[in-house]
Amino acid sequence: LPRAARLRAGELFASTVAPCHRRAGHHLHPVAPGAGALRRQASQFNVPPSAELVARPVGVCSMLRLPVQASAEGLDAAFIGVPLDTGTSNRPGARFGPRQIRAESAMVRRYNASTGAAPFDSLLVADIGDVNVNLYSLPDSCRRIREAYQEVVASGCVPLTLGGDHTITYPILQAVAEKHGPVGLVHVDAHADTGDRALGEKIYHGTPFRRCVDEGLLDCSRVVQIGLRGSSYTPDPYKYSRDQGFRVVPAGECWMKSLVPLMAEVRQQMGDGPVYISFDIDGLDPAYAPGTGTPEIAGLTPVQALEIIRGCRGLNIVGCDLVEVAPMYDVSGNTALLGANLLFEMLCVLPRVKTM
């Protein structure tokens, strides 16, 4: 599309004029500082540069230090930032989540030594920048997100999203369901996000899955919500979820145990249909992830987070997001580092990812 048309569509904007790696037979042709070092990692796919060859602070700040390109065309999977936080109900700041997750992702390497997954030997992956959201209008932001993701999923690319508050999952799922039909959902969160209205508004980060049900975007028999907890305004805050047929797994049912058996049941529940993973970082206990807008005590551990995501291997995953990282509440950077690693784990469980 011409640039003017992309602007009208609210399409994705690369955060920089990026290093771009192009497929040419079986050779990698980097256009970036440190190109000589990268050539020694010759591959038909994009490969994160090794810190043994290229210093971590060198280069454009992209997700996993991957090439940045202007669209999802030709990619198997893409990292996308949605820097929106005007749907938050408590502490703002998630608009800066994508930027900080990218910065902390410099620590993530090429292979998953724990699972044997080799995503960069299997899929062509890049960072395609950020959706050009409208910070002054949630409805317009939702339109821009939906239109951007319609183009991504139409190209056959699987989107992996860096949020942003949880509002963004609603327009993303509008685009995903338009292509795949109603999807199953693995939702990790402290909150069910099935509210109807707040201050008279139907769109904010507490309502995305209510709106998705309203529009038939979810296969409600294949929805699981894990890690829910905290005080509530009603005696049974998860009644709506259960009434829709969702499986609800409160955090208290996860305490002091492995979630591997739970995920075996979830895989059976999801079957062969399309599945979307939505992971709110506040699903984790704030001892591990304080950098978020609505923290709740007594949450999941990072080990349990890995068990959930790795337990999705073998499912027909058509998209993923990691939302609600608000970096200014965690000066250590650990929350964003967790987010970056969890997104890498999501990449590792996508269909067609080989193991070593």
Foldseek 3Di string as FASTA:
>chain_A
DPPVVCVVLLAFDAPDPKFDWAADPFFTQTDFPLRVQVRVVGGSAWFQGDCVRPPLVDGDLFQSNTTEDQALAPWQAEEEEELEFLQDDFDGFFSCQRSLLSSLNSPDHQADVVFQWRLRNWTHYGYNHYRNADRVDPVRRLSSLLSNLLRNVVNNYFYEYGDDAQLNVQSNLVSVCVPQNAAAEEEQAQAPLCDQDDPRDRGGRSRRVVVCVVVRSHPLQLYEYAQHDDDDPDPDRCVVSVVSNYHYHHQVNVPPDACLVVLVVSCVSRDAGEYEYEYELLQAACVQAVQFGDHDHNHDHLNNLLSNLLSCAPYAYRYYYYGGGRPVRPVVSRNSSSVSVSSVSNSSRHPRGDGD
